[in-house]
Amino acid sequence: MITEIAPVRERESAAPQQPRKVRRAWDEVPRWQIYVPLGIYLVFTLIPFYWILLFAFRPAGSTSLVPWPMTLDHFQKVWTERSFGVYFQNSVYVGVATLILTTVVALAGGYALARFEFRIKRAFMLALLCSQFVPGALLLVPLFQIFAKLQMINSLGSVILAETVFQLPLSMILISGFIRNVPQSLEEAAWVDGCNRFAAFRIVVLPLLRPGLIAVGSFAFVHAWNHFLFALMFLSDQSKQTIPVGLNTLMSADSVDLGALAAGGIVAAIPVVIVFAFIQKWLITGFSAGAVKG
């Protein structure tokens, strides 16, 4: 009997063990409990977009729930008569300049926070975090006085500087997290090969920070593109105003041109949609990488 049981046990031990399937909590949830809330949320999200498209493409005076026949008169009106071409150009200039300044300064500050140790480092990080709780409206008066003394009122430079300053704290914290995920041994190997610190950073570290730089830059661009308060307070000339201020001019105390307002909203949303459509992959990778402490 012993000689007959032993081969059976050997065959059982030699057989490959099937991996145990890990049961997760959401595997036991019925699908309708997931899809029904998501469907309700999707309906409440898409209905406003449909109304914007309806008013933008529907002829003036029409009450149809379907934008047919379609017209582009509202887009032509906001682009030519309401100077949205100028607003669009100014918003692009402010957004791109804010993106470049924020990325460059945050890259330098984030590298210092990630690679160097100094006495007030924790206090400085705490100050960066606390600055995110200060609303921009609270600093409008001192910023206005500073820009007035610098003779920068009614200049796009004042809006660019204000947007960059408010974007830097979060951008520096994110960039420092990205740099911590890059092993310092890579830089040390470059130092051994004869590179100085700047060359090692440019050759070794900078290419690995592409997702993080795209995430920070896109966040700065979208915030500068959509921000209304600084452009309203620091810019008085109509030829220097941005798209959010231009949208505000379409509303008056007596009436609101819904068709022109909807068309202007679509014009303002198109660049942001295009940016996120192209950088979605790197944006998700960048934010997930910055959330992990190396």
Protein backbone atom coordinates (compact mmCIF):
# COMPACT_ATOMS: atom_id res chain seq x y z
CA MET A 1 0.00 0.00 0.00
CA ILE A 2 2.81 2.37 0.77
CA THR A 3 4.40 1.81 -2.61
CA GLU A 4 1.07 2.57 -4.34
CA ILE A 5 0.28 5.78 -2.42
CA ALA A 6 3.73 7.36 -2.78
CA PRO A 7 3.63 7.87 -6.58
CA VAL A 8 0.18 9.43 -6.26
CA ARG A 9 1.45 11.95 -3.73
CA GLU A 10 4.45 12.69 -5.93
CA ARG A 11 2.17 13.34 -8.92
CA GLU A 12 -0.04 15.60 -6.83
CA SER A 13 2.95 17.61 -5.59
CA ALA A 14 4.41 17.82 -9.08
CA ALA A 15 1.17 19.13 -10.61
CA PRO A 16 1.23 22.91 -11.12
CA GLN A 17 -0.83 24.73 -8.57
CA GLN A 18 -3.54 26.98 -9.95
CA PRO A 19 -3.27 30.58 -8.72
CA ARG A 20 -5.99 31.50 -6.32
CA LYS A 21 -8.33 34.11 -7.62
CA VAL A 22 -8.38 37.12 -5.35
CA ARG A 23 -11.93 38.24 -4.73
CA ARG A 24 -12.21 41.97 -4.45
CA ALA A 25 -14.99 43.84 -2.72
CA TRP A 26 -16.37 45.40 -5.90
CA ASP A 27 -16.59 42.00 -7.66
CA GLU A 28 -19.56 41.15 -5.45
CA VAL A 29 -21.42 44.41 -6.18
CA PRO A 30 -24.23 44.07 -8.74
CA ARG A 31 -23.47 45.84 -11.99
CA TRP A 32 -26.62 47.96 -11.88
CA GLN A 33 -25.46 49.58 -8.64
CA ILE A 34 -22.44 50.86 -10.55
CA TYR A 35 -23.95 51.74 -13.91
CA VAL A 36 -27.10 53.47 -12.67
CA PRO A 37 -25.29 56.18 -10.62
CA LEU A 38 -22.76 56.63 -13.41
CA GLY A 39 -25.56 56.97 -15.94
CA ILE A 40 -27.36 59.58 -13.82
CA TYR A 41 -24.14 61.53 -13.39
CA LEU A 42 -23.47 61.33 -17.14
CA VAL A 43 -26.94 62.68 -17.94
CA PHE A 44 -26.57 65.65 -15.59
CA THR A 45 -23.13 66.33 -17.06
CA LEU A 46 -24.05 66.12 -20.74
CA ILE A 47 -27.34 68.04 -20.66
CA PRO A 48 -25.65 71.45 -20.04
CA PHE A 49 -23.24 70.77 -22.91
CA TYR A 50 -26.16 69.93 -25.18
CA TRP A 51 -27.89 73.20 -24.27
CA ILE A 52 -24.72 75.15 -25.06
CA LEU A 53 -24.48 73.48 -28.47
CA LEU A 54 -28.20 74.05 -29.03
CA PHE A 55 -28.05 77.80 -28.39
CA ALA A 56 -24.78 78.17 -30.32
CA PHE A 57 -25.97 76.48 -33.53
CA ARG A 58 -29.70 77.27 -33.39
CA PRO A 59 -30.93 80.35 -35.32
CA ALA A 60 -31.87 83.38 -33.23
CA GLY A 61 -35.51 83.35 -32.18
CA SER A 62 -35.94 79.60 -32.66
CA THR A 63 -37.41 77.47 -29.89
CA SER A 64 -36.63 74.08 -31.39
CA LEU A 65 -34.98 71.46 -29.21
CA VAL A 66 -32.91 70.33 -32.19
CA PRO A 67 -30.35 72.74 -33.72
CA TRP A 68 -31.71 72.46 -37.25
CA PRO A 69 -31.20 74.22 -39.54
CA MET A 70 -27.77 74.91 -38.14
CA THR A 71 -26.22 78.36 -38.36
CA LEU A 72 -22.80 79.85 -37.64
CA ASP A 73 -24.06 83.41 -37.26
CA HIS A 74 -23.43 83.44 -33.51
CA PHE A 75 -19.79 82.40 -33.99
CA GLN A 76 -19.28 85.05 -36.65
CA LYS A 77 -20.84 87.64 -34.35
CA VAL A 78 -18.64 86.91 -31.34
CA TRP A 79 -15.48 86.57 -33.43
CA THR A 80 -15.85 89.81 -35.40
CA GLU A 81 -18.34 92.15 -33.72
CA ARG A 82 -17.42 91.23 -30.12
CA SER A 83 -13.63 91.10 -30.74
CA PHE A 84 -13.26 87.49 -29.63
CA GLY A 85 -10.37 87.12 -32.06
CA VAL A 86 -8.39 89.64 -29.98
CA TYR A 87 -9.49 88.02 -26.71
CA PHE A 88 -8.45 84.62 -28.01
CA GLN A 89 -5.00 85.88 -28.99
CA ASN A 90 -4.47 87.53 -25.60
CA SER A 91 -5.56 84.37 -23.75
CA VAL A 92 -3.14 82.24 -25.78
CA TYR A 93 -0.32 84.66 -24.98
CA VAL A 94 -1.12 84.70 -21.25
CA GLY A 95 -1.57 80.91 -21.08
CA VAL A 96 1.63 80.02 -22.93
CA ALA A 97 3.74 82.57 -21.05
CA THR A 98 2.36 81.36 -17.69
CA LEU A 99 3.05 77.76 -18.70
CA ILE A 100 6.70 78.50 -19.57
CA LEU A 101 7.45 80.64 -16.51
CA THR A 102 5.71 78.29 -14.09
CA THR A 103 7.43 75.20 -15.48
CA VAL A 104 10.93 76.72 -15.50
CA VAL A 105 10.75 78.22 -12.00
CA ALA A 106 8.98 75.19 -10.52
CA LEU A 107 11.60 72.91 -12.07
CA ALA A 108 14.43 74.80 -10.38
CA GLY A 109 12.62 75.09 -7.05
CA GLY A 110 11.42 71.48 -7.12
CA TYR A 111 14.96 70.22 -7.77
CA ALA A 112 16.23 72.21 -4.78
CA LEU A 113 13.51 70.79 -2.53
CA ALA A 114 14.14 67.23 -3.72
CA ARG A 115 17.94 67.10 -3.73
CA PHE A 116 19.17 69.58 -1.10
CA GLU A 117 18.76 69.74 2.66
CA PHE A 118 18.62 73.12 4.39
CA ARG A 119 17.52 74.34 7.78
CA ILE A 120 14.14 75.88 6.89
CA LYS A 121 13.12 73.25 4.35
CA ARG A 122 10.15 71.93 6.35
CA ALA A 123 8.98 75.43 7.20
CA PHE A 124 9.26 76.41 3.54
CA MET A 125 7.25 73.38 2.44
CA LEU A 126 4.61 74.20 5.05
CA ALA A 127 4.45 77.78 3.77
CA LEU A 128 3.95 76.50 0.22
CA LEU A 129 1.08 74.30 1.36
CA CYS A 130 -0.54 77.05 3.43
CA SER A 131 -0.37 79.49 0.51
CA GLN A 132 -2.88 77.27 -1.33
CA PHE A 133 -5.53 78.24 1.22
CA VAL A 134 -5.21 81.97 0.43
CA PRO A 135 -7.81 83.06 -2.17
CA GLY A 136 -6.63 85.26 -5.00
CA ALA A 137 -9.31 87.87 -4.26
CA LEU A 138 -7.70 88.54 -0.88
CA LEU A 139 -4.50 89.77 -2.54
CA LEU A 140 -6.04 91.90 -5.28
CA VAL A 141 -5.46 95.22 -3.51
CA PRO A 142 -1.75 94.70 -2.65
CA LEU A 143 -1.09 93.22 -6.10
CA PHE A 144 -2.78 96.18 -7.74
CA GLN A 145 -0.66 98.62 -5.73
CA ILE A 146 2.54 96.72 -6.58
CA PHE A 147 1.77 96.62 -10.30
CA ALA A 148 0.76 100.29 -10.22
CA LYS A 149 4.16 101.25 -8.79
CA LEU A 150 5.85 99.09 -11.42
CA GLN A 151 3.69 100.74 -14.12
CA MET A 152 2.35 97.35 -15.20
CA ILE A 153 -1.37 98.07 -14.91
CA ASN A 154 -3.21 97.46 -18.18
CA SER A 155 -0.42 95.15 -19.28
CA LEU A 156 -0.59 91.43 -19.98
CA GLY A 157 2.64 91.07 -18.03
CA SER A 158 0.83 91.82 -14.77
CA VAL A 159 -1.66 88.99 -15.38
CA ILE A 160 1.15 86.61 -16.36
CA LEU A 161 3.15 87.38 -13.21
CA ALA A 162 0.10 87.07 -10.95
CA GLU A 163 -0.92 83.75 -12.51
CA THR A 164 2.64 82.40 -12.26
CA VAL A 165 2.98 83.35 -8.60
CA PHE A 166 -0.27 81.61 -7.69
CA GLN A 167 0.62 78.48 -9.66
CA LEU A 168 4.18 78.09 -8.32
CA PRO A 169 3.51 76.58 -4.84
CA LEU A 170 1.57 73.56 -6.06
CA SER A 171 3.80 73.19 -9.12
CA MET A 172 6.98 73.14 -7.02
CA ILE A 173 5.52 70.51 -4.68
CA LEU A 174 4.51 68.32 -7.62
CA ILE A 175 7.85 68.68 -9.40
CA SER A 176 9.76 67.85 -6.22
CA GLY A 177 7.74 64.64 -5.94
CA PHE A 178 8.58 63.73 -9.55
CA ILE A 179 12.29 64.34 -8.99
CA ARG A 180 12.33 62.21 -5.82
CA ASN A 181 11.15 59.28 -7.93
CA VAL A 182 14.33 59.54 -10.04
CA PRO A 183 17.17 57.67 -8.25
CA GLN A 184 20.00 59.99 -7.31
CA SER A 185 22.44 57.24 -8.26
CA LEU A 186 21.77 58.07 -11.91
CA GLU A 187 23.04 61.60 -11.37
CA GLU A 188 26.02 60.33 -9.39
CA ALA A 189 26.95 58.03 -12.28
CA ALA A 190 26.87 61.03 -14.60
CA TRP A 191 29.09 62.97 -12.19
CA VAL A 192 31.62 60.14 -12.28
CA ASP A 193 31.62 60.34 -16.09
CA GLY A 194 32.62 64.00 -15.90
CA CYS A 195 29.30 65.86 -15.98
CA ASN A 196 28.65 68.74 -13.62
CA ARG A 197 25.37 68.98 -11.72
CA PHE A 198 23.57 70.98 -14.39
CA ALA A 199 24.72 68.73 -17.22
CA ALA A 200 23.75 65.61 -15.28
CA PHE A 201 20.32 67.08 -14.60
CA ARG A 202 19.82 68.03 -18.25
CA ILE A 203 21.01 64.72 -19.67
CA VAL A 204 19.78 62.20 -17.09
CA VAL A 205 16.95 63.64 -14.99
CA LEU A 206 15.15 66.01 -17.33
CA PRO A 207 14.12 63.38 -19.93
CA LEU A 208 12.57 61.28 -17.14
CA LEU A 209 10.45 64.23 -15.96
CA ARG A 210 8.44 64.56 -19.17
CA PRO A 211 5.12 63.30 -17.69
CA GLY A 212 5.52 65.53 -14.66
CA LEU A 213 6.39 68.61 -16.70
CA ILE A 214 3.39 68.01 -18.98
CA ALA A 215 1.10 67.65 -15.97
CA VAL A 216 2.35 70.85 -14.30
CA GLY A 217 2.43 72.84 -17.53
CA SER A 218 -1.06 71.81 -18.60
CA PHE A 219 -2.44 72.64 -15.16
CA ALA A 220 -0.85 76.11 -15.28
CA PHE A 221 -2.10 76.74 -18.83
CA VAL A 222 -5.70 75.76 -18.10
CA HIS A 223 -5.80 77.82 -14.91
CA ALA A 224 -4.42 80.89 -16.66
CA TRP A 225 -6.79 80.36 -19.60
CA ASN A 226 -9.90 80.18 -17.42
CA HIS A 227 -9.02 82.70 -14.71
CA PHE A 228 -11.28 85.73 -14.70
CA LEU A 229 -10.40 87.86 -11.67
CA PHE A 230 -6.85 89.01 -12.47
CA ALA A 231 -7.65 89.91 -16.06
CA LEU A 232 -10.71 91.88 -14.95
CA MET A 233 -8.82 93.90 -12.32
CA PHE A 234 -5.48 94.53 -14.02
CA LEU A 235 -6.61 95.09 -17.62
CA SER A 236 -8.76 98.08 -18.52
CA ASP A 237 -8.16 98.33 -22.25
CA GLN A 238 -10.55 96.20 -24.28
CA SER A 239 -7.81 95.27 -26.75
CA LYS A 240 -5.87 93.55 -23.94
CA GLN A 241 -8.64 91.61 -22.26
CA THR A 242 -8.86 87.81 -22.26
CA ILE A 243 -11.65 85.40 -23.15
CA PRO A 244 -13.21 85.09 -19.63
CA VAL A 245 -13.60 88.88 -19.49
CA GLY A 246 -14.92 88.85 -23.06
CA LEU A 247 -17.60 86.36 -22.06
CA ASN A 248 -18.61 88.67 -19.23
CA THR A 249 -19.17 91.51 -21.70
CA LEU A 250 -21.86 89.45 -23.44
CA MET A 251 -24.05 89.75 -20.33
CA SER A 252 -25.63 93.03 -19.34
CA ALA A 253 -28.11 94.11 -16.71
CA ASP A 254 -30.96 94.31 -19.21
CA SER A 255 -30.45 91.31 -21.49
CA VAL A 256 -28.22 88.36 -22.30
CA ASP A 257 -27.41 87.24 -25.83
CA LEU A 258 -27.67 83.49 -25.22
CA GLY A 259 -26.60 82.53 -28.73
CA ALA A 260 -23.48 84.68 -28.64
CA LEU A 261 -22.71 83.61 -25.08
CA ALA A 262 -22.98 79.91 -25.99
CA ALA A 263 -20.81 80.41 -29.08
CA GLY A 264 -18.21 82.25 -27.01
CA GLY A 265 -18.23 79.47 -24.44
CA ILE A 266 -17.52 76.89 -27.14
CA VAL A 267 -14.68 79.02 -28.52
CA ALA A 268 -13.23 79.26 -25.01
CA ALA A 269 -13.55 75.51 -24.39
CA ILE A 270 -12.04 74.25 -27.67
CA PRO A 271 -8.32 74.88 -26.80
CA VAL A 272 -8.68 73.24 -23.38
CA VAL A 273 -10.38 70.18 -24.88
CA ILE A 274 -7.67 69.88 -27.54
CA VAL A 275 -4.88 70.19 -24.96
CA PHE A 276 -6.32 67.50 -22.72
CA ALA A 277 -7.08 65.22 -25.66
CA PHE A 278 -3.42 65.20 -26.69
CA ILE A 279 -1.79 65.04 -23.25
CA GLN A 280 -4.24 62.76 -21.43
CA LYS A 281 -1.84 59.81 -21.28
CA TRP A 282 1.09 61.83 -19.95
CA LEU A 283 -1.17 63.79 -17.60
CA ILE A 284 -2.45 60.70 -15.80
CA THR A 285 1.07 59.21 -15.66
CA GLY A 286 2.49 62.44 -14.32
CA PHE A 287 -0.01 62.92 -11.50
CA SER A 288 0.19 59.26 -10.47
CA ALA A 289 4.00 59.43 -10.42
CA GLY A 290 3.98 62.59 -8.36
CA ALA A 291 1.73 60.99 -5.79
CA VAL A 292 4.30 58.29 -4.98
CA LYS A 293 7.11 59.17 -2.63
CA GLY A 294 10.41 57.77 -3.81
